[in-house]
C-alpha atoms as a PDB file:
ATOM      1  CA  MET A   1     -25.712   7.367 -39.634  1.00  0.00           C
ATOM      2  CA  ASP A   2     -27.969   7.528 -37.002  1.00  0.00           C
ATOM      3  CA  ALA A   3     -26.024   6.689 -34.023  1.00  0.00           C
ATOM      4  CA  ALA A   4     -29.380   6.123 -32.095  1.00  0.00           C
ATOM      5  CA  SER A   5     -29.898   3.284 -34.420  1.00  0.00           C
ATOM      6  CA  PHE A   6     -27.091   1.498 -32.850  1.00  0.00           C
ATOM      7  CA  ILE A   7     -28.739   1.668 -29.487  1.00  0.00           C
ATOM      8  CA  GLN A   8     -30.934  -1.443 -28.118  1.00  0.00           C
ATOM      9  CA  PRO A   9     -30.961  -1.790 -24.411  1.00  0.00           C
ATOM     10  CA  THR A  10     -32.624  -4.806 -24.607  1.00  0.00           C
ATOM     11  CA  SER A  11     -29.910  -6.484 -26.880  1.00  0.00           C
ATOM     12  CA  PHE A  12     -27.317  -4.791 -24.478  1.00  0.00           C
ATOM     13  CA  ALA A  13     -28.451  -5.995 -21.373  1.00  0.00           C
ATOM     14  CA  ILE A  14     -28.745  -9.902 -22.545  1.00  0.00           C
ATOM     15  CA  VAL A  15     -25.124  -9.635 -24.379  1.00  0.00           C
ATOM     16  CA  VAL A  16     -23.701  -7.738 -21.211  1.00  0.00           C
ATOM     17  CA  GLY A  17     -25.634  -9.137 -18.484  1.00  0.00           C
ATOM     18  CA  GLY A  18     -25.592 -12.517 -19.791  1.00  0.00           C
ATOM     19  CA  THR A  19     -22.041 -12.587 -20.483  1.00  0.00           C
ATOM     20  CA  LEU A  20     -20.946 -11.362 -17.152  1.00  0.00           C
ATOM     21  CA  ILE A  21     -22.912 -13.792 -15.275  1.00  0.00           C
ATOM     22  CA  ALA A  22     -21.950 -16.652 -17.078  1.00  0.00           C
ATOM     23  CA  THR A  23     -18.339 -15.581 -16.563  1.00  0.00           C
ATOM     24  CA  PHE A  24     -18.874 -15.791 -13.037  1.00  0.00           C
ATOM     25  CA  LEU A  25     -20.657 -18.803 -12.982  1.00  0.00           C
ATOM     26  CA  ARG A  26     -17.680 -20.605 -14.832  1.00  0.00           C
ATOM     27  CA  CYS A  27     -14.824 -19.046 -13.253  1.00  0.00           C
ATOM     28  CA  GLY A  28     -15.873 -18.400  -9.637  1.00  0.00           C
ATOM     29  CA  PRO A  29     -15.988 -15.225  -7.522  1.00  0.00           C
ATOM     30  CA  LYS A  30     -12.077 -15.366  -6.544  1.00  0.00           C
ATOM     31  CA  ASP A  31     -10.894 -15.419 -10.087  1.00  0.00           C
ATOM     32  CA  CYS A  32     -13.597 -12.801 -11.189  1.00  0.00           C
ATOM     33  CA  SER A  33     -12.200 -10.586  -8.380  1.00  0.00           C
ATOM     34  CA  LEU A  34      -8.313 -11.518  -9.151  1.00  0.00           C
ATOM     35  CA  ALA A  35      -9.309 -10.094 -12.849  1.00  0.00           C
ATOM     36  CA  LEU A  36     -11.111  -6.908 -11.317  1.00  0.00           C
ATOM     37  CA  ALA A  37      -8.022  -6.101  -9.324  1.00  0.00           C
ATOM     38  CA  ALA A  38      -5.755  -6.595 -12.455  1.00  0.00           C
ATOM     39  CA  LEU A  39      -8.283  -4.042 -14.159  1.00  0.00           C
ATOM     40  CA  ALA A  40      -8.396  -1.648 -11.337  1.00  0.00           C
ATOM     41  CA  GLY A  41      -4.493  -1.133 -11.251  1.00  0.00           C
ATOM     42  CA  PHE A  42      -4.576  -0.113 -15.041  1.00  0.00           C
ATOM     43  CA  GLY A  43      -4.469   3.737 -13.785  1.00  0.00           C
ATOM     44  CA  GLN A  44      -1.262   3.026 -11.805  1.00  0.00           C
ATOM     45  CA  LYS A  45       2.197   1.702 -12.126  1.00  0.00           C
ATOM     46  CA  ARG A  46       2.248  -1.944 -10.872  1.00  0.00           C
ATOM     47  CA  PHE A  47       6.008  -2.079 -10.260  1.00  0.00           C
ATOM     48  CA  ASP A  48       8.534   0.821 -10.036  1.00  0.00           C
ATOM     49  CA  ALA A  49      11.736  -0.800 -10.893  1.00  0.00           C
ATOM     50  CA  GLU A  50      14.050   2.172 -10.530  1.00  0.00           C
ATOM     51  CA  ALA A  51      12.665   2.803  -6.987  1.00  0.00           C
ATOM     52  CA  ALA A  52      12.797  -0.777  -6.343  1.00  0.00           C
ATOM     53  CA  LYS A  53      16.404  -1.018  -7.425  1.00  0.00           C
ATOM     54  CA  ALA A  54      17.502   2.426  -5.646  1.00  0.00           C
ATOM     55  CA  GLU A  55      16.028   1.140  -2.203  1.00  0.00           C
ATOM     56  CA  LEU A  56      18.196  -2.154  -2.633  1.00  0.00           C
ATOM     57  CA  ALA A  57      21.343  -0.371  -3.249  1.00  0.00           C
ATOM     58  CA  ALA A  58      21.443   1.292   0.184  1.00  0.00           C
ATOM     59  CA  GLN A  59      21.012  -2.628   1.388  1.00  0.00           C
ATOM     60  CA  VAL A  60      23.591  -3.903  -0.813  1.00  0.00           C
ATOM     61  CA  ARG A  61      26.420  -0.945  -0.013  1.00  0.00           C
ATOM     62  CA  ALA A  62      25.694  -1.911   3.854  1.00  0.00           C
ATOM     63  CA  ILE A  63      26.125  -5.467   3.029  1.00  0.00           C
ATOM     64  CA  GLN A  64      29.292  -4.733   1.153  1.00  0.00           C
ATOM     65  CA  GLN A  65      30.625  -2.397   3.635  1.00  0.00           C
ATOM     66  CA  ASP A  66      29.826  -4.361   6.817  1.00  0.00           C
ATOM     67  CA  GLY A  67      29.210  -7.664   5.467  1.00  0.00           C
ATOM     68  CA  LEU A  68      26.377  -9.958   5.808  1.00  0.00           C
ATOM     69  CA  LEU A  69      26.765 -11.030   9.454  1.00  0.00           C
ATOM     70  CA  ARG A  70      26.192  -7.527  10.714  1.00  0.00           C
ATOM     71  CA  ALA A  71      23.722  -6.072   7.774  1.00  0.00           C
ATOM     72  CA  ASN A  72      19.997  -5.197   8.869  1.00  0.00           C
ATOM     73  CA  PRO A  73      17.343  -6.046   6.446  1.00  0.00           C
ATOM     74  CA  ARG A  74      15.809  -2.850   4.797  1.00  0.00           C
ATOM     75  CA  HIS A  75      12.166  -3.409   3.902  1.00  0.00           C
ATOM     76  CA  PHE A  76      10.333  -0.664   1.786  1.00  0.00           C
ATOM     77  CA  GLY A  77       7.287  -1.978   1.170  1.00  0.00           C
ATOM     78  CA  ASP A  78       7.860  -4.228  -1.804  1.00  0.00           C
ATOM     79  CA  ARG A  79       6.900  -7.789  -0.344  1.00  0.00           C
ATOM     80  CA  GLU A  80       9.136  -9.878  -2.468  1.00  0.00           C
ATOM     81  CA  PHE A  81      12.243  -7.767  -1.777  1.00  0.00           C
ATOM     82  CA  ASP A  82      11.584  -7.507   1.775  1.00  0.00           C
ATOM     83  CA  ASP A  83      11.554 -11.227   1.657  1.00  0.00           C
ATOM     84  CA  VAL A  84      14.493 -11.504  -0.259  1.00  0.00           C
ATOM     85  CA  THR A  85      16.596  -9.576   1.735  1.00  0.00           C
ATOM     86  CA  ASP A  86      15.406 -11.358   4.915  1.00  0.00           C
ATOM     87  CA  ALA A  87      16.420 -14.707   3.135  1.00  0.00           C
ATOM     88  CA  LEU A  88      19.783 -13.442   2.392  1.00  0.00           C
ATOM     89  CA  ILE A  89      20.554 -12.163   5.224  1.00  0.00           C
ATOM     90  CA  GLY A  90      19.132 -14.777   7.581  1.00  0.00           C
ATOM     91  CA  THR A  91      20.603 -17.755   5.395  1.00  0.00           C
ATOM     92  CA  ARG A  92      23.671 -15.874   4.160  1.00  0.00           C
ATOM     93  CA  SER A  93      22.932 -17.670   0.990  1.00  0.00           C
ATOM     94  CA  VAL A  94      22.051 -16.374  -2.721  1.00  0.00           C
ATOM     95  CA  GLU A  95      20.544 -19.511  -3.266  1.00  0.00           C
ATOM     96  CA  ALA A  96      17.870 -18.691  -0.553  1.00  0.00           C
ATOM     97  CA  LEU A  97      17.449 -15.282  -2.416  1.00  0.00           C
ATOM     98  CA  VAL A  98      16.906 -17.073  -5.759  1.00  0.00           C
ATOM     99  CA  LYS A  99      14.493 -19.353  -3.862  1.00  0.00           C
ATOM    100  CA  THR A 100      12.171 -16.683  -2.279  1.00  0.00           C
ATOM    101  CA  HIS A 101      12.034 -14.647  -5.673  1.00  0.00           C
ATOM    102  CA  GLU A 102      11.131 -18.190  -7.640  1.00  0.00           C
ATOM    103  CA  GLU A 103       8.491 -18.512  -4.993  1.00  0.00           C
ATOM    104  CA  HIS A 104       6.877 -14.961  -5.022  1.00  0.00           C
ATOM    105  CA  LYS A 105       6.906 -14.964  -8.842  1.00  0.00           C
ATOM    106  CA  ARG A 106       5.118 -18.660  -9.204  1.00  0.00           C
ATOM    107  CA  HIS A 107       2.316 -16.928  -7.013  1.00  0.00           C
ATOM    108  CA  ARG A 108       2.351 -13.702  -9.109  1.00  0.00           C
ATOM    109  CA  GLN A 109       2.237 -15.937 -12.454  1.00  0.00           C
ATOM    110  CA  ILE A 110      -0.559 -18.144 -10.790  1.00  0.00           C
ATOM    111  CA  THR A 111      -2.536 -14.937  -9.636  1.00  0.00           C
ATOM    112  CA  ASP A 112      -1.827 -13.307 -13.271  1.00  0.00           C
ATOM    113  CA  GLU A 113      -3.041 -16.597 -15.213  1.00  0.00           C
ATOM    114  CA  ARG A 114      -6.453 -16.859 -13.653  1.00  0.00           C
ATOM    115  CA  ALA A 115      -6.851 -13.114 -14.045  1.00  0.00           C
ATOM    116  CA  VAL A 116      -6.016 -13.312 -17.715  1.00  0.00           C
ATOM    117  CA  ARG A 117      -8.091 -16.580 -18.303  1.00  0.00           C
ATOM    118  CA  THR A 118     -11.063 -15.141 -16.596  1.00  0.00           C
ATOM    119  CA  LEU A 119     -11.157 -12.355 -19.226  1.00  0.00           C
ATOM    120  CA  ALA A 120     -10.421 -14.584 -21.985  1.00  0.00           C
ATOM    121  CA  GLN A 121     -13.518 -16.683 -20.770  1.00  0.00           C
ATOM    122  CA  ALA A 122     -15.720 -13.431 -21.226  1.00  0.00           C
ATOM    123  CA  ALA A 123     -14.103 -12.965 -24.857  1.00  0.00           C
ATOM    124  CA  GLU A 124     -15.411 -16.490 -25.517  1.00  0.00           C
ATOM    125  CA  LEU A 125     -18.850 -15.792 -24.234  1.00  0.00           C
ATOM    126  CA  ALA A 126     -19.624 -12.498 -25.455  1.00  0.00           C
ATOM    127  CA  PRO A 127     -20.466 -13.838 -28.989  1.00  0.00           C
ATOM    128  CA  VAL A 128     -22.703 -16.821 -27.433  1.00  0.00           C
ATOM    129  CA  PHE A 129     -24.905 -14.345 -25.709  1.00  0.00           C
ATOM    130  CA  GLY A 130     -24.842 -12.323 -29.066  1.00  0.00           C
ATOM    131  CA  LEU A 131     -26.463 -15.241 -30.767  1.00  0.00           C
ATOM    132  CA  ALA A 132     -28.496 -15.898 -27.624  1.00  0.00           C
ATOM    133  CA  GLY A 133     -29.945 -12.053 -28.163  1.00  0.00           C
ATOM    134  CA  THR A 134     -30.493 -12.967 -31.954  1.00  0.00           C
ATOM    135  CA  LEU A 135     -32.533 -15.909 -31.136  1.00  0.00           C
ATOM    136  CA  ILE A 136     -34.473 -14.063 -28.479  1.00  0.00           C
ATOM    137  CA  SER A 137     -35.693 -11.730 -30.987  1.00  0.00           C
ATOM    138  CA  LEU A 138     -37.096 -14.123 -33.379  1.00  0.00           C
ATOM    139  CA  THR A 139     -39.331 -15.276 -30.751  1.00  0.00           C
ATOM    140  CA  GLN A 140     -40.485 -11.594 -30.881  1.00  0.00           C
ATOM    141  CA  LEU A 141     -41.852 -12.147 -34.222  1.00  0.00           C
ATOM    142  CA  PRO A 142     -45.713 -12.143 -34.009  1.00  0.00           C
ATOM    143  CA  SER A 143     -47.271 -15.920 -34.818  1.00  0.00           C
ATOM    144  CA  ASP A 144     -50.488 -14.506 -36.702  1.00  0.00           C
ATOM    145  CA  GLY A 145     -48.560 -13.127 -39.388  1.00  0.00           C
ATOM    146  CA  ILE A 146     -45.447 -10.463 -39.772  1.00  0.00           C
ATOM    147  CA  ALA A 147     -46.576  -6.674 -39.347  1.00  0.00           C
ATOM    148  CA  ARG A 148     -43.462  -4.657 -40.693  1.00  0.00           C
ATOM    149  CA  GLU A 149     -42.846  -2.948 -37.650  1.00  0.00           C
ATOM    150  CA  ALA A 150     -42.840  -5.974 -35.421  1.00  0.00           C
ATOM    151  CA  TYR A 151     -40.431  -7.639 -38.340  1.00  0.00           C
ATOM    152  CA  MET A 152     -37.838  -4.511 -38.410  1.00  0.00           C
ATOM    153  CA  SER A 153     -37.872  -4.360 -34.622  1.00  0.00           C
ATOM    154  CA  ALA A 154     -36.875  -8.165 -34.610  1.00  0.00           C
ATOM    155  CA  ILE A 155     -34.386  -7.871 -36.917  1.00  0.00           C
ATOM    156  CA  SER A 156     -32.682  -4.748 -35.186  1.00  0.00           C
ATOM    157  CA  MET A 157     -32.739  -6.567 -31.979  1.00  0.00           C
ATOM    158  CA  GLY A 158     -30.937  -9.810 -33.615  1.00  0.00           C
ATOM    159  CA  VAL A 159     -28.380  -7.557 -35.582  1.00  0.00           C
ATOM    160  CA  LEU A 160     -27.400  -5.567 -32.822  1.00  0.00           C
ATOM    161  CA  SER A 161     -27.394  -8.439 -30.348  1.00  0.00           C
ATOM    162  CA  THR A 162     -24.680 -10.052 -32.900  1.00  0.00           C
ATOM    163  CA  LEU A 163     -22.927  -6.830 -32.957  1.00  0.00           C
ATOM    164  CA  TYR A 164     -22.726  -5.957 -29.230  1.00  0.00           C
ATOM    165  CA  GLY A 165     -21.318  -9.731 -28.589  1.00  0.00           C
ATOM    166  CA  LEU A 166     -18.440  -9.429 -31.409  1.00  0.00           C
ATOM    167  CA  LEU A 167     -17.580  -5.700 -29.938  1.00  0.00           C
ATOM    168  CA  LEU A 168     -17.318  -7.093 -26.434  1.00  0.00           C
ATOM    169  CA  ALA A 169     -15.514  -9.869 -27.065  1.00  0.00           C
ATOM    170  CA  ASN A 170     -12.904  -8.108 -29.721  1.00  0.00           C
ATOM    171  CA  LEU A 171     -12.827  -4.611 -28.284  1.00  0.00           C
ATOM    172  CA  VAL A 172     -13.171  -5.039 -24.834  1.00  0.00           C
ATOM    173  CA  PHE A 173     -12.459  -8.235 -22.988  1.00  0.00           C
ATOM    174  CA  ALA A 174      -9.884  -9.763 -25.369  1.00  0.00           C
ATOM    175  CA  PRO A 175      -7.824  -6.711 -25.203  1.00  0.00           C
ATOM    176  CA  LEU A 176      -7.915  -6.489 -21.512  1.00  0.00           C
ATOM    177  CA  SER A 177      -6.837  -9.927 -21.525  1.00  0.00           C
ATOM    178  CA  ARG A 178      -3.741  -9.304 -23.321  1.00  0.00           C
ATOM    179  CA  MET A 179      -2.752  -6.004 -21.705  1.00  0.00           C
ATOM    180  CA  VAL A 180      -2.849  -7.666 -18.131  1.00  0.00           C
ATOM    181  CA  GLU A 181      -0.614 -10.351 -19.804  1.00  0.00           C
ATOM    182  CA  ARG A 182       1.648  -8.066 -21.431  1.00  0.00           C
ATOM    183  CA  ILE A 183       1.869  -6.048 -17.650  1.00  0.00           C
ATOM    184  CA  ALA A 184       2.673  -8.906 -15.992  1.00  0.00           C
ATOM    185  CA  ALA A 185       4.971 -10.235 -18.397  1.00  0.00           C
ATOM    186  CA  THR A 186       6.944  -6.790 -18.379  1.00  0.00           C
ATOM    187  CA  GLU A 187       6.732  -6.668 -14.319  1.00  0.00           C
ATOM    188  CA  GLU A 188       8.653 -10.167 -14.372  1.00  0.00           C
ATOM    189  CA  ARG A 189      11.318  -9.060 -16.619  1.00  0.00           C
ATOM    190  CA  GLU A 190      11.959  -6.133 -14.263  1.00  0.00           C
ATOM    191  CA  ARG A 191      11.968  -7.972 -11.154  1.00  0.00           C
ATOM    192  CA  GLN A 192      14.473 -10.562 -12.800  1.00  0.00           C
ATOM    193  CA  LYS A 193      16.935  -8.093 -13.555  1.00  0.00           C
ATOM    194  CA  ILE A 194      16.864  -6.735 -10.210  1.00  0.00           C
ATOM    195  CA  VAL A 195      17.040 -10.306  -8.610  1.00  0.00           C
ATOM    196  CA  ASP A 196      20.126 -10.984 -11.063  1.00  0.00           C
ATOM    197  CA  TRP A 197      21.666  -7.516 -10.213  1.00  0.00           C
ATOM    198  CA  LEU A 198      21.482  -8.214  -6.498  1.00  0.00           C
ATOM    199  CA  ALA A 199      22.969 -11.564  -6.382  1.00  0.00           C
ATOM    200  CA  ASP A 200      25.783 -10.466  -8.457  1.00  0.00           C
ATOM    201  CA  GLN A 201      26.389  -7.681  -6.218  1.00  0.00           C
ATOM    202  CA  VAL A 202      26.331  -9.750  -2.862  1.00  0.00           C
ATOM    203  CA  THR A 203      28.099 -12.815  -4.241  1.00  0.00           C
ATOM    204  CA  PRO A 204      31.603 -11.474  -3.507  1.00  0.00           C
ATOM    205  CA  VAL A 205      31.057 -11.317   0.006  1.00  0.00           C
ATOM    206  CA  ILE A 206      29.432 -14.767   0.122  1.00  0.00           C
ATOM    207  CA  PRO A 207      32.257 -17.092   0.230  1.00  0.00           C
ATOM    208  CA  LYS A 208      31.925 -20.947  -0.544  1.00  0.00           C
ATOM    209  CA  HIS A 209      33.478 -21.829   2.716  1.00  0.00           C
ATOM    210  CA  GLY A 210      33.552 -19.968   5.905  1.00  0.00           C
ATOM    211  CA  LYS A 211      32.150 -17.260   7.590  1.00  0.00           C
ATOM    212  CA  PRO A 212      30.652 -14.533   5.441  1.00  0.00           C
ATOM    213  CA  VAL A 213      33.092 -11.286   5.202  1.00  0.00           C
ATOM    214  CA  SER A 214      32.891  -7.993   3.870  1.00  0.00           C
ATOM    215  CA  LEU A 215      33.764  -6.823   0.401  1.00  0.00           C
ATOM    216  CA  HIS A 216      36.908  -5.108   1.504  1.00  0.00           C
ATOM    217  CA  GLU A 217      37.887  -8.318   3.311  1.00  0.00           C
ATOM    218  CA  ALA A 218      36.932 -10.309  -0.293  1.00  0.00           C
ATOM    219  CA  ALA A 219      38.963  -8.182  -2.417  1.00  0.00           C
ATOM    220  CA  ALA A 220      41.759  -8.642  -0.180  1.00  0.00           C
ATOM    221  CA  ARG A 221      42.147 -12.374  -0.574  1.00  0.00           C
END
């Protein structure tokens, strides 16, 4: 099998260029930039659950020892958990903690859904431009008769255009879309576990009535 026979620059340009341009026009620059940002993050860990829990453990110890009233927020660079601890200590309420988490979760889900939708749209468009390349190749046939070389060139371009469209859709854009979706779902599960753990740890020092107490005071009651 000659690998060079699978290379057709014109077909490639039509399929890839057409797919990218059409995706940009359909989804817009914002959604396309979100998709690119999601793809750029593949080489690095999106969320380190162990590191985040370790940082929050120090905050929990301070709250358990001194109570919420005297505790100071510890920020470590994760926007959600920085806001969560601010809300918890500022309002002395687990409900505020959960509400802040849900707000960040909703924002992440919207962002991830837009990135996934953009890549899925590209996967749908790629075969369309494979067909477009095939149709364009047919227009290259000479009108005054079919010479063998012209015929073979047009057929080759048409077949490869269809092939490029199918490969681009099913081996590139569709898998990337699912990958972004899986990574986002994994992060949400990890974040939810940490939020549940954090709420369980601080609940004993937040009585339903009265002022906040330390864990030692709560245990003595």
